Amino acid sequence: MTTNSDRASTSQADVSAEIAAIESAYQRTGLEETQPRLDYAPYRSSVLRHPTKDAHHADPEGVELWSPCFGPRDVNPLESDLTIGHGGAPIGERTVVTGRVVDGDGRPVRGQLVEIWQANAAGRYIHQRDQHPAPIDPNFTGVGRCLTDDDGFYRFTTIKPGPYPWKNHRNAWRPAHIHFSLFGTEFTQRMITQMYFPGDPLFALDPIYQAITDQKARDRLVAGYDHDVTTHEWATGYRWDVVLTGAARTPFESQEDGASHR
C-alpha cells in the first residue's frame, strides 16, 4: 500500500522511470490498447481504487433504461457559456471549445447532453478539497453543459484552465484539461473523459495521461487549435471531436476510477 509519506518521497524522476518502463514493455507486446489502464502503478491511487474482481451483471431498472431524457426545456443555451452569469468577467484566456459527437461510423449523435467542469486560469477548482495556494476567481465556477445539435456539434465558451499540483508524488503537476461527461439515452451509458490542449510540456510527466499506453489513443484526447473557431479580438478556438464507439473510440475513464475529480 502506498502511503502519503511514500508519495512525498517519490520524485518525478522515479515516476517517469516507471512510465518509461511500462511504455517499453507495451511496445514489445505488439498489441494495441485504446483505453486507460485501470491498474497503472505510476498513478498511485489507481492501485487502490481499480476493481479487483469481475463485475456482477445487474439488470437496470426500467427508469434507468429510459432516463435521463434531456431536451431544450432542461438545458438553457446560456449554460454553455462559462464566462457569464457572475458579477464580472473571469480572469484568463477566453476560449471556445467545439466539436462533434459521433458514433463509430461517423454518424452524428444528436441531442446528446455534454457537461464539462474544469479548474480556473490559476488551476484552482471551486471544491472544498482543492486547497492549494492559487486564487479562486469569484467570476468563474467552471461548470457548463449543452445539447449537441442535429449535426452532433457542441460548443462551449470558457476560460483556458491552468495546470495544478496534485499529491501523486513530489512536485506532481497535471496538464491543463477540461473534464467531459456525455450521457446517452440512459444513466448506464454515461461516459467521462478529459480533453487536453496541444503542446503541453506536462504530458510526458503525467501518470493519468500516460495511463493510456498507446500514443495514438492519447492523441485522441488532445484538442487542435482551430483558427476558424478563433474569434477576432475575443477568444481563441479549439476543436475536439468525440467518438463514442469503434476502433477510433475516444478514451474514457472507468466509472470506478477517480481521475474524473482530477
C-alpha atoms as a PDB file:
ATOM      1  CA  MET A   1       0.000   0.000   0.000  1.00  0.00           C
ATOM      2  CA  THR A   2       1.306   3.453  -0.925  1.00  0.00           C
ATOM      3  CA  THR A   3       1.223   5.946   1.962  1.00  0.00           C
ATOM      4  CA  ASN A   4       1.307   9.735   1.872  1.00  0.00           C
ATOM      5  CA  SER A   5       4.918   9.679   3.080  1.00  0.00           C
ATOM      6  CA  ASP A   6       5.824   7.302   0.253  1.00  0.00           C
ATOM      7  CA  ARG A   7       4.273   9.690  -2.259  1.00  0.00           C
ATOM      8  CA  ALA A   8       6.094  12.670  -0.770  1.00  0.00           C
ATOM      9  CA  SER A   9       9.424  10.870  -1.095  1.00  0.00           C
ATOM     10  CA  THR A  10       8.791   9.690  -4.658  1.00  0.00           C
ATOM     11  CA  SER A  11      10.318  12.051  -7.206  1.00  0.00           C
ATOM     12  CA  GLN A  12       9.172  12.898 -10.707  1.00  0.00           C
ATOM     13  CA  ALA A  13      12.245  11.047 -11.981  1.00  0.00           C
ATOM     14  CA  ASP A  14      11.067   7.900 -10.173  1.00  0.00           C
ATOM     15  CA  VAL A  15       7.589   8.157 -11.693  1.00  0.00           C
ATOM     16  CA  SER A  16       8.951   8.984 -15.156  1.00  0.00           C
ATOM     17  CA  ALA A  17      11.178   5.893 -14.998  1.00  0.00           C
ATOM     18  CA  GLU A  18       8.141   3.748 -14.168  1.00  0.00           C
ATOM     19  CA  ILE A  19       6.193   5.305 -17.038  1.00  0.00           C
ATOM     20  CA  ALA A  20       9.077   4.640 -19.451  1.00  0.00           C
ATOM     21  CA  ALA A  21       9.383   1.003 -18.326  1.00  0.00           C
ATOM     22  CA  ILE A  22       5.664   0.367 -18.838  1.00  0.00           C
ATOM     23  CA  GLU A  23       5.771   2.077 -22.233  1.00  0.00           C
ATOM     24  CA  SER A  24       8.730  -0.066 -23.287  1.00  0.00           C
ATOM     25  CA  ALA A  25       7.012  -3.278 -22.170  1.00  0.00           C
ATOM     26  CA  TYR A  26       3.848  -2.245 -24.004  1.00  0.00           C
ATOM     27  CA  GLN A  27       5.746  -1.611 -27.234  1.00  0.00           C
ATOM     28  CA  ARG A  28       7.262  -5.102 -27.080  1.00  0.00           C
ATOM     29  CA  THR A  29       3.834  -6.777 -26.901  1.00  0.00           C
ATOM     30  CA  GLY A  30       2.818  -5.624 -30.349  1.00  0.00           C
ATOM     31  CA  LEU A  31      -0.734  -5.161 -29.067  1.00  0.00           C
ATOM     32  CA  GLU A  32      -2.865  -2.014 -29.256  1.00  0.00           C
ATOM     33  CA  GLU A  33      -4.549  -0.640 -26.150  1.00  0.00           C
ATOM     34  CA  THR A  34      -7.081   2.106 -26.747  1.00  0.00           C
ATOM     35  CA  GLN A  35      -8.391   2.745 -23.216  1.00  0.00           C
ATOM     36  CA  PRO A  36      -6.722   3.766 -19.917  1.00  0.00           C
ATOM     37  CA  ARG A  37      -5.301   1.022 -17.743  1.00  0.00           C
ATOM     38  CA  LEU A  38      -7.248   0.734 -14.512  1.00  0.00           C
ATOM     39  CA  ASP A  39      -4.241  -0.596 -12.599  1.00  0.00           C
ATOM     40  CA  TYR A  40      -1.396   1.752 -13.516  1.00  0.00           C
ATOM     41  CA  ALA A  41       1.283   1.860 -10.833  1.00  0.00           C
ATOM     42  CA  PRO A  42       2.689   5.341 -11.601  1.00  0.00           C
ATOM     43  CA  TYR A  43      -0.814   6.678 -10.902  1.00  0.00           C
ATOM     44  CA  ARG A  44      -0.594   5.700  -7.243  1.00  0.00           C
ATOM     45  CA  SER A  45      -4.229   5.739  -6.186  1.00  0.00           C
ATOM     46  CA  SER A  46      -5.313   3.624  -9.167  1.00  0.00           C
ATOM     47  CA  VAL A  47      -3.719   0.629  -7.453  1.00  0.00           C
ATOM     48  CA  LEU A  48      -6.121   1.053  -4.528  1.00  0.00           C
ATOM     49  CA  ARG A  49      -9.158   2.212  -6.478  1.00  0.00           C
ATOM     50  CA  HIS A  50      -9.421  -0.058  -9.509  1.00  0.00           C
ATOM     51  CA  PRO A  51     -11.777  -3.071  -9.436  1.00  0.00           C
ATOM     52  CA  THR A  52     -10.082  -6.297  -8.333  1.00  0.00           C
ATOM     53  CA  LYS A  53     -12.979  -8.671  -9.039  1.00  0.00           C
ATOM     54  CA  ASP A  54     -15.104  -9.406 -12.065  1.00  0.00           C
ATOM     55  CA  ALA A  55     -18.153  -7.221 -12.421  1.00  0.00           C
ATOM     56  CA  HIS A  56     -21.516  -8.720 -11.474  1.00  0.00           C
ATOM     57  CA  HIS A  57     -24.200  -8.469 -14.118  1.00  0.00           C
ATOM     58  CA  ALA A  58     -27.187  -6.463 -12.937  1.00  0.00           C
ATOM     59  CA  ASP A  59     -30.314  -5.712 -14.892  1.00  0.00           C
ATOM     60  CA  PRO A  60     -31.005  -1.984 -14.693  1.00  0.00           C
ATOM     61  CA  GLU A  61     -34.401  -0.820 -13.570  1.00  0.00           C
ATOM     62  CA  GLY A  62     -36.812   0.495 -16.144  1.00  0.00           C
ATOM     63  CA  VAL A  63     -36.239   4.109 -15.174  1.00  0.00           C
ATOM     64  CA  GLU A  64     -32.514   3.654 -15.836  1.00  0.00           C
ATOM     65  CA  LEU A  65     -33.229   2.407 -19.338  1.00  0.00           C
ATOM     66  CA  TRP A  66     -35.374   5.382 -20.289  1.00  0.00           C
ATOM     67  CA  SER A  67     -33.762   8.217 -18.332  1.00  0.00           C
ATOM     68  CA  PRO A  68     -32.343  10.757 -18.459  1.00  0.00           C
ATOM     69  CA  CYS A  69     -34.097  12.343 -21.377  1.00  0.00           C
ATOM     70  CA  PHE A  70     -32.714  15.854 -21.642  1.00  0.00           C
ATOM     71  CA  GLY A  71     -34.199  18.340 -24.038  1.00  0.00           C
ATOM     72  CA  PRO A  72     -34.243  22.072 -24.759  1.00  0.00           C
ATOM     73  CA  ARG A  73     -36.593  22.627 -21.797  1.00  0.00           C
ATOM     74  CA  ASP A  74     -33.985  21.152 -19.436  1.00  0.00           C
ATOM     75  CA  VAL A  75     -30.818  22.826 -20.711  1.00  0.00           C
ATOM     76  CA  ASN A  76     -30.660  26.573 -21.267  1.00  0.00           C
ATOM     77  CA  PRO A  77     -28.388  27.633 -24.172  1.00  0.00           C
ATOM     78  CA  LEU A  78     -26.701  30.143 -21.842  1.00  0.00           C
ATOM     79  CA  GLU A  79     -25.344  27.255 -19.750  1.00  0.00           C
ATOM     80  CA  SER A  80     -22.751  26.626 -22.457  1.00  0.00           C
ATOM     81  CA  ASP A  81     -21.039  29.961 -21.723  1.00  0.00           C
ATOM     82  CA  LEU A  82     -18.957  29.602 -18.553  1.00  0.00           C
ATOM     83  CA  THR A  83     -17.820  33.232 -18.719  1.00  0.00           C
ATOM     84  CA  ILE A  84     -21.203  34.817 -17.941  1.00  0.00           C
ATOM     85  CA  GLY A  85     -23.715  34.807 -15.097  1.00  0.00           C
ATOM     86  CA  HIS A  86     -21.452  36.292 -12.446  1.00  0.00           C
ATOM     87  CA  GLY A  87     -20.670  39.753 -11.157  1.00  0.00           C
ATOM     88  CA  GLY A  88     -17.974  40.376 -13.754  1.00  0.00           C
ATOM     89  CA  ALA A  89     -15.713  38.798 -16.336  1.00  0.00           C
ATOM     90  CA  PRO A  90     -13.459  35.913 -15.275  1.00  0.00           C
ATOM     91  CA  ILE A  91      -9.679  36.202 -15.438  1.00  0.00           C
ATOM     92  CA  GLY A  92      -7.759  34.279 -18.085  1.00  0.00           C
ATOM     93  CA  GLU A  93      -7.657  33.388 -21.750  1.00  0.00           C
ATOM     94  CA  ARG A  94     -11.186  33.251 -23.130  1.00  0.00           C
ATOM     95  CA  THR A  95     -11.529  30.269 -25.429  1.00  0.00           C
ATOM     96  CA  VAL A  96     -14.156  28.428 -27.432  1.00  0.00           C
ATOM     97  CA  VAL A  97     -14.128  24.624 -27.403  1.00  0.00           C
ATOM     98  CA  THR A  98     -16.275  22.921 -30.009  1.00  0.00           C
ATOM     99  CA  GLY A  99     -16.529  19.638 -31.866  1.00  0.00           C
ATOM    100  CA  ARG A 100     -18.772  16.798 -32.970  1.00  0.00           C
ATOM    101  CA  VAL A 101     -20.006  13.776 -31.055  1.00  0.00           C
ATOM    102  CA  VAL A 102     -20.248  10.834 -33.459  1.00  0.00           C
ATOM    103  CA  ASP A 103     -20.649   7.070 -33.340  1.00  0.00           C
ATOM    104  CA  GLY A 104     -18.140   4.582 -34.711  1.00  0.00           C
ATOM    105  CA  ASP A 105     -19.466   5.029 -38.255  1.00  0.00           C
ATOM    106  CA  GLY A 106     -19.114   8.810 -38.136  1.00  0.00           C
ATOM    107  CA  ARG A 107     -22.837   9.479 -37.744  1.00  0.00           C
ATOM    108  CA  PRO A 108     -23.739  12.485 -35.562  1.00  0.00           C
ATOM    109  CA  VAL A 109     -25.174  11.835 -32.113  1.00  0.00           C
ATOM    110  CA  ARG A 110     -27.990  14.368 -31.841  1.00  0.00           C
ATOM    111  CA  GLY A 111     -29.424  15.804 -28.640  1.00  0.00           C
ATOM    112  CA  GLN A 112     -26.540  14.426 -26.561  1.00  0.00           C
ATOM    113  CA  LEU A 113     -26.102  16.037 -23.145  1.00  0.00           C
ATOM    114  CA  VAL A 114     -22.499  17.218 -22.834  1.00  0.00           C
ATOM    115  CA  GLU A 115     -21.305  18.506 -19.448  1.00  0.00           C
ATOM    116  CA  ILE A 116     -17.906  19.988 -18.628  1.00  0.00           C
ATOM    117  CA  TRP A 117     -16.076  21.036 -15.483  1.00  0.00           C
ATOM    118  CA  GLN A 118     -12.609  22.470 -15.031  1.00  0.00           C
ATOM    119  CA  ALA A 119     -10.176  24.484 -12.971  1.00  0.00           C
ATOM    120  CA  ASN A 120      -9.862  28.226 -13.424  1.00  0.00           C
ATOM    121  CA  ALA A 121      -6.961  30.003 -15.134  1.00  0.00           C
ATOM    122  CA  ALA A 122      -4.860  29.623 -11.977  1.00  0.00           C
ATOM    123  CA  GLY A 123      -5.501  25.880 -11.797  1.00  0.00           C
ATOM    124  CA  ARG A 124      -7.972  26.080  -8.895  1.00  0.00           C
ATOM    125  CA  TYR A 125     -11.312  24.257  -8.648  1.00  0.00           C
ATOM    126  CA  ILE A 126     -14.326  25.509  -6.715  1.00  0.00           C
ATOM    127  CA  HIS A 127     -14.143  22.479  -4.466  1.00  0.00           C
ATOM    128  CA  GLN A 128     -13.573  22.092  -0.733  1.00  0.00           C
ATOM    129  CA  ARG A 129     -10.846  19.517  -1.287  1.00  0.00           C
ATOM    130  CA  ASP A 130      -8.874  21.845  -3.532  1.00  0.00           C
ATOM    131  CA  GLN A 131      -6.911  23.951  -1.080  1.00  0.00           C
ATOM    132  CA  HIS A 132      -3.611  24.539  -2.881  1.00  0.00           C
ATOM    133  CA  PRO A 133      -2.394  28.168  -2.788  1.00  0.00           C
ATOM    134  CA  ALA A 134      -3.893  29.504  -6.010  1.00  0.00           C
ATOM    135  CA  PRO A 135      -6.597  32.173  -6.179  1.00  0.00           C
ATOM    136  CA  ILE A 136     -10.287  31.434  -6.579  1.00  0.00           C
ATOM    137  CA  ASP A 137     -11.937  33.502  -9.297  1.00  0.00           C
ATOM    138  CA  PRO A 138     -15.284  34.786  -7.955  1.00  0.00           C
ATOM    139  CA  ASN A 139     -16.483  35.179 -11.539  1.00  0.00           C
ATOM    140  CA  PHE A 140     -15.797  31.640 -12.633  1.00  0.00           C
ATOM    141  CA  THR A 141     -17.369  28.445 -11.296  1.00  0.00           C
ATOM    142  CA  GLY A 142     -16.011  26.180 -14.037  1.00  0.00           C
ATOM    143  CA  VAL A 143     -19.122  24.139 -14.943  1.00  0.00           C
ATOM    144  CA  GLY A 144     -21.288  24.147 -18.053  1.00  0.00           C
ATOM    145  CA  ARG A 145     -23.484  21.978 -20.228  1.00  0.00           C
ATOM    146  CA  CYS A 146     -25.193  21.905 -23.604  1.00  0.00           C
ATOM    147  CA  LEU A 147     -27.001  19.621 -26.031  1.00  0.00           C
ATOM    148  CA  THR A 148     -25.494  18.589 -29.351  1.00  0.00           C
ATOM    149  CA  ASP A 149     -27.276  19.938 -32.409  1.00  0.00           C
ATOM    150  CA  ASP A 150     -28.646  17.995 -35.375  1.00  0.00           C
ATOM    151  CA  ASP A 151     -25.125  17.576 -36.793  1.00  0.00           C
ATOM    152  CA  GLY A 152     -23.743  16.374 -33.442  1.00  0.00           C
ATOM    153  CA  PHE A 153     -21.922  19.621 -32.646  1.00  0.00           C
ATOM    154  CA  TYR A 154     -21.400  21.002 -29.142  1.00  0.00           C
ATOM    155  CA  ARG A 155     -19.878  24.399 -28.312  1.00  0.00           C
ATOM    156  CA  PHE A 156     -18.632  25.980 -25.085  1.00  0.00           C
ATOM    157  CA  THR A 157     -17.194  29.391 -24.282  1.00  0.00           C
ATOM    158  CA  THR A 158     -14.886  29.186 -21.291  1.00  0.00           C
ATOM    159  CA  ILE A 159     -11.527  30.176 -19.815  1.00  0.00           C
ATOM    160  CA  LYS A 160      -8.457  28.098 -20.611  1.00  0.00           C
ATOM    161  CA  PRO A 161      -7.671  26.219 -17.379  1.00  0.00           C
ATOM    162  CA  GLY A 162      -4.273  26.280 -15.737  1.00  0.00           C
ATOM    163  CA  PRO A 163      -2.164  23.301 -14.647  1.00  0.00           C
ATOM    164  CA  TYR A 164      -2.230  22.430 -10.974  1.00  0.00           C
ATOM    165  CA  PRO A 165      -0.318  20.363  -8.395  1.00  0.00           C
ATOM    166  CA  TRP A 166      -1.631  17.074  -7.041  1.00  0.00           C
ATOM    167  CA  LYS A 167      -0.374  14.641  -4.438  1.00  0.00           C
ATOM    168  CA  ASN A 168       0.563  11.635  -6.573  1.00  0.00           C
ATOM    169  CA  HIS A 169       4.270  12.259  -5.902  1.00  0.00           C
ATOM    170  CA  ARG A 170       6.585  15.122  -5.045  1.00  0.00           C
ATOM    171  CA  ASN A 171       6.233  18.093  -7.415  1.00  0.00           C
ATOM    172  CA  ALA A 172       3.482  16.399  -9.414  1.00  0.00           C
ATOM    173  CA  TRP A 173       1.515  18.641 -11.789  1.00  0.00           C
ATOM    174  CA  ARG A 174      -1.465  17.871 -14.001  1.00  0.00           C
ATOM    175  CA  PRO A 175      -1.580  19.237 -17.555  1.00  0.00           C
ATOM    176  CA  ALA A 176      -4.328  21.761 -18.271  1.00  0.00           C
ATOM    177  CA  HIS A 177      -7.511  19.889 -19.125  1.00  0.00           C
ATOM    178  CA  ILE A 178     -11.301  20.020 -19.229  1.00  0.00           C
ATOM    179  CA  HIS A 179     -13.455  17.155 -17.934  1.00  0.00           C
ATOM    180  CA  PHE A 180     -16.246  15.963 -20.236  1.00  0.00           C
ATOM    181  CA  SER A 181     -19.296  13.884 -19.372  1.00  0.00           C
ATOM    182  CA  LEU A 182     -21.609  12.517 -22.044  1.00  0.00           C
ATOM    183  CA  PHE A 183     -24.969  10.854 -21.443  1.00  0.00           C
ATOM    184  CA  GLY A 184     -26.589   8.525 -23.917  1.00  0.00           C
ATOM    185  CA  THR A 185     -30.258   7.714 -23.619  1.00  0.00           C
ATOM    186  CA  GLU A 186     -29.921   6.203 -20.138  1.00  0.00           C
ATOM    187  CA  PHE A 187     -27.926   6.542 -16.913  1.00  0.00           C
ATOM    188  CA  THR A 188     -25.992   3.350 -17.652  1.00  0.00           C
ATOM    189  CA  GLN A 189     -24.476   4.934 -20.763  1.00  0.00           C
ATOM    190  CA  ARG A 190     -22.648   7.808 -19.094  1.00  0.00           C
ATOM    191  CA  MET A 191     -19.074   8.322 -20.289  1.00  0.00           C
ATOM    192  CA  ILE A 192     -16.446  10.549 -18.685  1.00  0.00           C
ATOM    193  CA  THR A 193     -13.179  11.687 -20.220  1.00  0.00           C
ATOM    194  CA  GLN A 194     -10.715  14.585 -20.313  1.00  0.00           C
ATOM    195  CA  MET A 195      -9.722  16.949 -23.102  1.00  0.00           C
ATOM    196  CA  TYR A 196      -6.210  18.401 -23.190  1.00  0.00           C
ATOM    197  CA  PHE A 197      -4.620  21.321 -25.012  1.00  0.00           C
ATOM    198  CA  PRO A 198      -1.900  20.824 -27.639  1.00  0.00           C
ATOM    199  CA  GLY A 199       1.807  21.052 -26.877  1.00  0.00           C
ATOM    200  CA  ASP A 200       1.580  20.770 -23.085  1.00  0.00           C
ATOM    201  CA  PRO A 201       5.049  20.036 -21.627  1.00  0.00           C
ATOM    202  CA  LEU A 202       3.448  18.106 -18.749  1.00  0.00           C
ATOM    203  CA  PHE A 203       2.094  15.305 -20.967  1.00  0.00           C
ATOM    204  CA  ALA A 204       5.176  13.116 -20.613  1.00  0.00           C
ATOM    205  CA  LEU A 205       5.202  13.584 -16.821  1.00  0.00           C
ATOM    206  CA  ASP A 206       1.541  12.925 -16.052  1.00  0.00           C
ATOM    207  CA  PRO A 207       0.587   9.394 -14.914  1.00  0.00           C
ATOM    208  CA  ILE A 208      -3.128   9.894 -15.648  1.00  0.00           C
ATOM    209  CA  TYR A 209      -2.492  10.885 -19.268  1.00  0.00           C
ATOM    210  CA  GLN A 210       0.180   8.201 -19.618  1.00  0.00           C
ATOM    211  CA  ALA A 211      -2.148   5.502 -18.224  1.00  0.00           C
ATOM    212  CA  ILE A 212      -3.297   5.310 -21.844  1.00  0.00           C
ATOM    213  CA  THR A 213      -0.257   3.402 -23.082  1.00  0.00           C
ATOM    214  CA  ASP A 214      -0.855   3.874 -26.812  1.00  0.00           C
ATOM    215  CA  GLN A 215       0.295   7.202 -28.245  1.00  0.00           C
ATOM    216  CA  LYS A 216      -2.397   7.269 -30.945  1.00  0.00           C
ATOM    217  CA  ALA A 217      -5.072   6.803 -28.297  1.00  0.00           C
ATOM    218  CA  ARG A 218      -3.534   9.536 -26.136  1.00  0.00           C
ATOM    219  CA  ASP A 219      -3.533  11.873 -29.107  1.00  0.00           C
ATOM    220  CA  ARG A 220      -7.308  11.455 -29.382  1.00  0.00           C
ATOM    221  CA  LEU A 221      -7.649  13.317 -26.079  1.00  0.00           C
ATOM    222  CA  VAL A 222      -5.789  16.405 -27.353  1.00  0.00           C
ATOM    223  CA  ALA A 223      -7.767  19.200 -28.986  1.00  0.00           C
ATOM    224  CA  GLY A 224      -6.440  21.005 -32.018  1.00  0.00           C
ATOM    225  CA  TYR A 225      -6.122  24.767 -32.300  1.00  0.00           C
ATOM    226  CA  ASP A 226      -8.615  25.959 -34.940  1.00  0.00           C
ATOM    227  CA  HIS A 227      -8.203  29.471 -36.284  1.00  0.00           C
ATOM    228  CA  ASP A 228     -11.631  29.297 -37.927  1.00  0.00           C
ATOM    229  CA  VAL A 229     -13.138  28.870 -34.452  1.00  0.00           C
ATOM    230  CA  THR A 230     -10.980  31.658 -33.025  1.00  0.00           C
ATOM    231  CA  THR A 231     -12.868  34.973 -32.888  1.00  0.00           C
ATOM    232  CA  HIS A 232     -11.301  38.331 -33.729  1.00  0.00           C
ATOM    233  CA  GLU A 233     -10.274  40.160 -30.534  1.00  0.00           C
ATOM    234  CA  TRP A 234     -12.466  37.887 -28.439  1.00  0.00           C
ATOM    235  CA  ALA A 235     -11.477  34.242 -27.975  1.00  0.00           C
ATOM    236  CA  THR A 236      -9.086  31.556 -29.174  1.00  0.00           C
ATOM    237  CA  GLY A 237     -10.687  28.410 -30.576  1.00  0.00           C
ATOM    238  CA  TYR A 238     -10.107  24.660 -30.218  1.00  0.00           C
ATOM    239  CA  ARG A 239     -11.727  21.723 -31.994  1.00  0.00           C
ATOM    240  CA  TRP A 240     -12.164  18.351 -30.276  1.00  0.00           C
ATOM    241  CA  ASP A 241     -14.347  15.567 -31.639  1.00  0.00           C
ATOM    242  CA  VAL A 242     -15.656  12.677 -29.536  1.00  0.00           C
ATOM    243  CA  VAL A 243     -16.099   9.186 -30.989  1.00  0.00           C
ATOM    244  CA  LEU A 244     -18.328   7.011 -28.814  1.00  0.00           C
ATOM    245  CA  THR A 245     -17.729   3.570 -30.354  1.00  0.00           C
ATOM    246  CA  GLY A 246     -15.469   1.644 -32.723  1.00  0.00           C
ATOM    247  CA  ALA A 247     -11.723   1.364 -33.242  1.00  0.00           C
ATOM    248  CA  ALA A 248     -11.208   5.138 -33.073  1.00  0.00           C
ATOM    249  CA  ARG A 249     -13.226   5.460 -29.851  1.00  0.00           C
ATOM    250  CA  THR A 250     -12.233   8.316 -27.583  1.00  0.00           C
ATOM    251  CA  PRO A 251     -10.537   7.009 -24.394  1.00  0.00           C
ATOM    252  CA  PHE A 252     -12.949   7.153 -21.458  1.00  0.00           C
ATOM    253  CA  GLU A 253     -12.445   6.781 -17.729  1.00  0.00           C
ATOM    254  CA  SER A 254     -13.982   3.919 -15.800  1.00  0.00           C
ATOM    255  CA  GLN A 255     -16.836   4.933 -13.516  1.00  0.00           C
ATOM    256  CA  GLU A 256     -14.833   3.385 -10.668  1.00  0.00           C
ATOM    257  CA  ASP A 257     -11.764   5.448 -11.425  1.00  0.00           C
ATOM    258  CA  GLY A 258     -11.283   8.700  -9.545  1.00  0.00           C
ATOM    259  CA  ALA A 259      -9.473  10.600 -12.269  1.00  0.00           C
ATOM    260  CA  SER A 260     -12.690  12.480 -13.008  1.00  0.00           C
ATOM    261  CA  HIS A 261     -12.032  14.524  -9.883  1.00  0.00           C
ATOM    262  CA  ARG A 262      -8.547  15.483 -11.071  1.00  0.00           C
END
